[in-house]
Amino acid sequence: MDTLTAMKVFCSVVENDSLAGASRTLNVSPSVVSKQLSGLEDRLGVRLLNRTTRRVSLTEVGSAYYERCKRILADVDEAEIAVSQAHSAPRGLLKVTAPTTFAHRHVAPHLPEFLDRYPEVEVQLLVNDRVVDLVDEGIDLAIRIAQLKDSSLIARKLAVNHRMLVASPDYVKKWGSPANPDQLSDHSLITYAPGNPINDWHFMVDNQQKILRAKGTLAMNNGDSVLQTVLAGGGLAMLAAFMAGEHVKTGKLVTLLDDYVREDVPIYAVYPSGRHLSPKVRAFVDFLVELYGPSPYWL
């Protein structure tokens, strides 16, 4: 049995919610669809779908297998496109979205260099902190800083993104520095707005993970505001290295509890799995991977 073909049939059945719908989409007979499904389930030794006369539904194991199949089939499509378009020059409008703080610091300043390399590409950078629906809004690529959940998007990791606990030298001189995470309660903490999951600070204490839900006297809904307040000596904050790194290098900030902090929320480029990776998108992603590298310049 051709496993890839069976995977395509299985995914089509799920997406059409019926064997008949998959039959029409794939332009094959219903008996072929049924045979492919049965053969796949027999080979795997599990039931992927619950079937009735009217509809089908995924089993628990079928749901997990469906997500894997989507990714595998998307990778196969990309490989074929990459070969067929290997000699195609990147061109056309490239629509990119990225979070505000990261876009201002680490995307926008590098766009002139990208356009120098690829003069036939036109870039439209949409700075936005909300999670944009790429398909509905016609976006080619999004930069996201998060622990990604399973979805219909394909992701490529661009860089590590360590977070660091920082304070100004003046604050440390006046109030001292905590010797361990338990002593943070004795300090002024600067956090994001209540309810933001980024307020969960992760530490490793005695080989055990410890999560502190930070709450301070100052809470803000913008990372740059948090940074400026820390620089002004307002307290301690957990900030991404891409924000605080340059200030640590220059001595305007110092890092605290380095032996305890365990924070890394990777930076990804994501794009719709149903869309072939065009030369312009591939060129931009490769450019960012090369730019940031395994050890980003902001560390």
Protein backbone atom coordinates (compact mmCIF):
# COMPACT_ATOMS: atom_id res chain seq x y z
CA MET A 1 0.00 0.00 0.00
CA ASP A 2 1.23 3.50 -0.87
CA THR A 3 1.32 5.13 2.56
CA LEU A 4 1.37 8.72 1.27
CA THR A 5 -1.66 8.06 -0.92
CA ALA A 6 -3.49 6.50 2.01
CA MET A 7 -2.60 9.52 4.16
CA LYS A 8 -4.00 11.87 1.52
CA VAL A 9 -7.22 9.86 1.35
CA PHE A 10 -7.52 9.79 5.14
CA CYS A 11 -7.00 13.57 5.41
CA SER A 12 -9.50 14.20 2.64
CA VAL A 13 -12.13 12.10 4.41
CA VAL A 14 -11.57 14.06 7.63
CA GLU A 15 -11.70 17.43 5.85
CA ASN A 16 -14.80 16.52 3.84
CA ASP A 17 -16.47 14.86 6.84
CA SER A 18 -17.43 11.86 4.69
CA LEU A 19 -16.13 9.18 2.37
CA ALA A 20 -18.39 10.45 -0.40
CA GLY A 21 -16.99 13.96 -0.10
CA ALA A 22 -13.43 12.65 -0.25
CA SER A 23 -14.39 10.58 -3.28
CA ARG A 24 -15.57 13.69 -5.12
CA THR A 25 -12.57 15.77 -4.06
CA LEU A 26 -10.05 13.13 -5.08
CA ASN A 27 -12.03 12.08 -8.18
CA VAL A 28 -11.96 8.40 -7.28
CA SER A 29 -14.72 5.94 -6.50
CA PRO A 30 -16.07 5.56 -2.94
CA SER A 31 -14.86 1.96 -2.94
CA VAL A 32 -11.28 3.12 -3.53
CA VAL A 33 -11.56 5.55 -0.62
CA SER A 34 -12.96 2.83 1.65
CA LYS A 35 -10.26 0.37 0.60
CA GLN A 36 -7.47 2.89 1.27
CA LEU A 37 -8.85 3.70 4.71
CA SER A 38 -9.29 0.07 5.69
CA GLY A 39 -5.81 -0.76 4.47
CA LEU A 40 -4.30 2.10 6.47
CA GLU A 41 -6.12 1.11 9.64
CA ASP A 42 -5.13 -2.53 9.19
CA ARG A 43 -1.49 -1.59 8.72
CA LEU A 44 -1.49 0.66 11.79
CA GLY A 45 -3.55 -1.74 13.85
CA VAL A 46 -5.88 0.99 15.12
CA ARG A 47 -9.23 2.51 14.23
CA LEU A 48 -8.76 6.06 12.95
CA LEU A 49 -12.39 6.90 12.19
CA ASN A 50 -15.80 6.10 13.59
CA ARG A 51 -18.10 5.58 10.61
CA THR A 52 -21.87 5.84 10.37
CA THR A 53 -24.09 5.90 7.31
CA ARG A 54 -24.18 9.71 7.41
CA ARG A 55 -20.80 10.90 8.65
CA VAL A 56 -17.43 10.02 10.06
CA SER A 57 -15.67 11.24 13.18
CA LEU A 58 -12.10 10.94 14.37
CA THR A 59 -11.13 8.63 17.18
CA GLU A 60 -8.67 9.98 19.75
CA VAL A 61 -5.73 8.26 18.08
CA GLY A 62 -7.11 9.27 14.68
CA SER A 63 -7.08 12.92 15.70
CA ALA A 64 -3.39 12.75 16.66
CA TYR A 65 -2.57 10.86 13.46
CA TYR A 66 -4.43 13.44 11.36
CA GLU A 67 -2.28 16.30 12.71
CA ARG A 68 0.89 14.36 11.91
CA CYS A 69 -0.36 13.48 8.44
CA LYS A 70 -1.09 17.12 7.63
CA ARG A 71 2.46 18.08 8.52
CA ILE A 72 4.01 15.23 6.58
CA LEU A 73 1.97 15.95 3.46
CA ALA A 74 2.78 19.66 3.73
CA ASP A 75 6.48 18.81 3.95
CA VAL A 76 6.21 16.62 0.85
CA ASP A 77 4.47 19.42 -1.05
CA GLU A 78 7.14 21.88 0.03
CA ALA A 79 9.93 19.55 -1.07
CA GLU A 80 8.40 19.23 -4.51
CA ILE A 81 7.88 22.97 -4.80
CA ALA A 82 11.41 23.67 -3.60
CA VAL A 83 12.81 21.51 -6.40
CA SER A 84 10.51 22.90 -9.10
CA GLN A 85 11.16 26.50 -8.06
CA ALA A 86 14.83 26.13 -7.18
CA HIS A 87 15.84 28.47 -9.99
CA SER A 88 12.96 30.92 -9.67
CA ALA A 89 13.91 34.38 -8.46
CA PRO A 90 11.94 35.72 -5.46
CA ARG A 91 9.53 38.38 -6.65
CA GLY A 92 6.19 40.00 -5.86
CA LEU A 93 4.50 41.37 -2.74
CA LEU A 94 5.48 39.71 0.55
CA LYS A 95 3.10 40.40 3.44
CA VAL A 96 4.64 39.79 6.85
CA THR A 97 3.23 40.32 10.33
CA ALA A 98 5.26 40.49 13.54
CA PRO A 99 4.82 41.55 17.19
CA THR A 100 5.39 45.25 17.79
CA THR A 101 8.50 45.21 19.97
CA PHE A 102 10.30 42.53 17.98
CA ALA A 103 9.34 44.10 14.65
CA HIS A 104 10.72 47.50 15.63
CA ARG A 105 14.01 46.10 16.90
CA HIS A 106 14.81 43.08 14.80
CA VAL A 107 12.76 43.05 11.60
CA ALA A 108 12.25 46.56 10.27
CA PRO A 109 15.93 47.63 10.57
CA HIS A 110 17.00 44.70 8.38
CA LEU A 111 14.45 45.04 5.58
CA PRO A 112 16.66 47.34 3.44
CA GLU A 113 19.33 44.64 3.36
CA PHE A 114 16.77 42.03 2.33
CA LEU A 115 15.44 44.24 -0.46
CA ASP A 116 19.00 44.90 -1.66
CA ARG A 117 19.40 41.14 -2.08
CA TYR A 118 16.02 40.65 -3.72
CA PRO A 119 15.10 43.82 -5.63
CA GLU A 120 12.07 42.19 -7.27
CA VAL A 121 10.38 41.67 -3.90
CA GLU A 122 8.14 44.28 -2.26
CA VAL A 123 7.63 43.90 1.50
CA GLN A 124 4.61 44.97 3.50
CA LEU A 125 5.32 44.69 7.23
CA LEU A 126 2.20 44.67 9.40
CA VAL A 127 3.09 45.29 13.04
CA ASN A 128 0.48 43.71 15.28
CA ASP A 129 0.40 42.11 18.71
CA ARG A 130 -2.77 40.10 18.10
CA VAL A 131 -2.71 36.60 16.60
CA VAL A 132 -3.54 37.23 12.95
CA ASP A 133 -5.47 34.70 10.87
CA LEU A 134 -3.01 34.31 8.01
CA VAL A 135 -5.41 32.75 5.54
CA ASP A 136 -8.34 35.10 6.14
CA GLU A 137 -6.13 38.20 6.03
CA GLY A 138 -3.94 37.12 3.13
CA ILE A 139 -0.67 37.14 5.09
CA ASP A 140 2.26 35.19 3.65
CA LEU A 141 4.20 34.79 6.88
CA ALA A 142 3.99 35.63 10.57
CA ILE A 143 6.71 35.91 13.16
CA ARG A 144 5.44 34.51 16.44
CA ILE A 145 7.07 34.32 19.84
CA ALA A 146 5.34 31.50 21.68
CA GLN A 147 5.31 27.84 22.57
CA LEU A 148 3.33 26.87 19.50
CA LYS A 149 0.39 24.51 19.78
CA ASP A 150 -0.59 22.03 17.08
CA SER A 151 -2.33 23.87 14.26
CA SER A 152 -2.72 24.02 10.51
CA LEU A 153 0.36 26.25 10.32
CA ILE A 154 3.85 25.18 9.39
CA ALA A 155 6.55 26.60 11.66
CA ARG A 156 10.29 27.10 11.32
CA LYS A 157 12.32 28.12 14.33
CA LEU A 158 14.22 31.34 13.73
CA ALA A 159 16.00 31.79 17.04
CA VAL A 160 16.12 30.98 20.71
CA ASN A 161 14.59 33.63 22.93
CA HIS A 162 15.89 33.46 26.46
CA ARG A 163 14.25 35.67 29.03
CA MET A 164 16.29 37.23 31.78
CA LEU A 165 15.52 38.73 35.15
CA VAL A 166 16.94 42.24 35.09
CA ALA A 167 17.24 45.41 37.14
CA SER A 168 19.18 48.63 36.89
CA PRO A 169 22.50 48.97 38.77
CA ASP A 170 20.98 51.86 40.76
CA TYR A 171 18.10 49.65 41.94
CA VAL A 172 20.50 46.89 43.00
CA LYS A 173 22.75 49.39 44.79
CA LYS A 174 19.77 50.75 46.73
CA TRP A 175 17.76 47.59 47.42
CA GLY A 176 20.19 44.73 46.86
CA SER A 177 19.57 41.65 44.75
CA PRO A 178 17.65 38.45 45.60
CA ALA A 179 19.74 35.40 46.43
CA ASN A 180 17.02 32.98 45.32
CA PRO A 181 13.49 33.12 43.84
CA ASP A 182 11.86 33.07 47.29
CA GLN A 183 13.37 36.48 48.01
CA LEU A 184 11.58 38.11 45.07
CA SER A 185 8.69 38.88 47.41
CA ASP A 186 10.97 41.43 49.09
CA HIS A 187 11.42 43.38 45.84
CA SER A 188 9.43 45.65 43.54
CA LEU A 189 8.34 43.60 40.53
CA ILE A 190 7.30 45.10 37.22
CA THR A 191 4.93 42.88 35.28
CA TYR A 192 2.65 42.81 32.31
CA ALA A 193 -1.09 43.38 32.69
CA PRO A 194 -2.88 40.90 34.98
CA GLY A 195 -3.86 37.67 33.26
CA ASN A 196 -0.98 37.73 30.79
CA PRO A 197 0.68 34.27 30.80
CA ILE A 198 4.06 35.96 30.41
CA ASN A 199 3.75 36.86 34.10
CA ASP A 200 4.53 33.23 34.92
CA TRP A 201 8.24 33.27 35.72
CA HIS A 202 10.02 29.92 35.47
CA PHE A 203 12.89 28.90 37.73
CA MET A 204 14.77 25.70 38.52
CA VAL A 205 15.23 25.18 42.26
CA ASP A 206 16.88 22.01 43.59
CA ASN A 207 16.35 20.36 40.20
CA GLN A 208 12.63 21.08 40.41
CA GLN A 209 10.73 23.53 38.22
CA LYS A 210 9.23 26.40 40.16
CA ILE A 211 6.72 28.79 38.60
CA LEU A 212 6.17 32.16 40.19
CA ARG A 213 3.06 34.05 39.10
CA ALA A 214 4.62 37.48 39.34
CA LYS A 215 2.53 40.29 40.73
CA GLY A 216 3.94 43.70 41.51
CA THR A 217 3.02 47.27 42.20
CA LEU A 218 3.49 48.17 38.53
CA ALA A 219 1.73 46.34 35.68
CA MET A 220 1.82 47.36 32.03
CA ASN A 221 0.47 46.13 28.71
CA ASN A 222 3.54 46.98 26.66
CA GLY A 223 7.03 45.49 26.81
CA ASP A 224 8.81 48.76 26.00
CA SER A 225 7.05 50.45 28.90
CA VAL A 226 8.25 47.67 31.22
CA LEU A 227 11.79 48.05 29.89
CA GLN A 228 11.87 51.81 30.34
CA THR A 229 10.60 51.49 33.89
CA VAL A 230 13.30 48.95 34.74
CA LEU A 231 15.96 51.22 33.21
CA ALA A 232 14.66 54.03 35.41
CA GLY A 233 15.26 51.91 38.53
CA GLY A 234 11.64 51.03 39.14
CA GLY A 235 12.18 47.38 40.02
CA LEU A 236 12.83 43.90 38.66
CA ALA A 237 11.31 42.44 35.49
CA MET A 238 11.56 39.29 33.41
CA LEU A 239 12.31 40.47 29.86
CA ALA A 240 13.15 38.80 26.59
CA ALA A 241 16.83 38.92 25.70
CA PHE A 242 15.96 40.56 22.38
CA MET A 243 14.71 43.54 24.43
CA ALA A 244 17.12 43.67 27.36
CA GLY A 245 20.28 42.14 25.89
CA GLU A 246 21.77 45.34 24.46
CA HIS A 247 21.27 47.14 27.80
CA VAL A 248 22.98 44.29 29.66
CA LYS A 249 25.92 44.56 27.25
CA THR A 250 26.28 48.29 27.93
CA GLY A 251 25.86 47.93 31.70
CA LYS A 252 22.57 49.80 31.91
CA LEU A 253 20.96 46.62 33.24
CA VAL A 254 22.25 43.67 35.25
CA THR A 255 20.90 40.13 35.24
CA LEU A 256 19.79 38.42 38.45
CA LEU A 257 19.31 34.80 39.54
CA ASP A 258 21.05 33.51 36.40
CA ASP A 259 21.54 30.08 38.00
CA TYR A 260 17.80 29.77 38.60
CA VAL A 261 16.05 31.36 35.61
CA ARG A 262 14.79 28.89 33.01
CA GLU A 263 12.92 30.91 30.42
CA ASP A 264 12.92 30.30 26.66
CA VAL A 265 10.01 31.16 24.38
CA PRO A 266 11.30 30.49 20.85
CA ILE A 267 10.84 32.78 17.87
CA TYR A 268 9.19 31.14 14.85
CA ALA A 269 8.25 31.95 11.30
CA VAL A 270 4.85 30.42 10.53
CA TYR A 271 2.86 30.15 7.33
CA PRO A 272 -0.23 28.26 6.13
CA SER A 273 0.36 24.59 5.44
CA GLY A 274 -2.00 24.60 2.48
CA ARG A 275 0.07 27.18 0.67
CA HIS A 276 3.18 26.28 -1.31
CA LEU A 277 6.27 27.96 0.07
CA SER A 278 6.95 30.50 -2.65
CA PRO A 279 10.50 31.69 -3.45
CA LYS A 280 9.84 35.07 -1.80
CA VAL A 281 8.72 33.46 1.48
CA ARG A 282 11.55 30.93 1.46
CA ALA A 283 14.07 33.70 0.77
CA PHE A 284 12.78 35.80 3.66
CA VAL A 285 12.77 32.93 6.15
CA ASP A 286 16.29 31.89 5.09
CA PHE A 287 17.40 35.51 5.43
CA LEU A 288 16.11 35.70 9.01
CA VAL A 289 17.66 32.36 9.98
CA GLU A 290 21.00 33.56 8.62
CA LEU A 291 20.61 36.95 10.32
CA TYR A 292 19.77 35.65 13.77
CA GLY A 293 21.85 32.49 13.69
CA PRO A 294 22.07 29.85 16.44
CA SER A 295 23.35 32.51 18.85
CA PRO A 296 21.40 35.71 18.09
CA TYR A 297 23.30 39.00 18.12
CA TRP A 298 21.11 40.35 20.93
CA LEU A 299 22.32 37.76 23.45
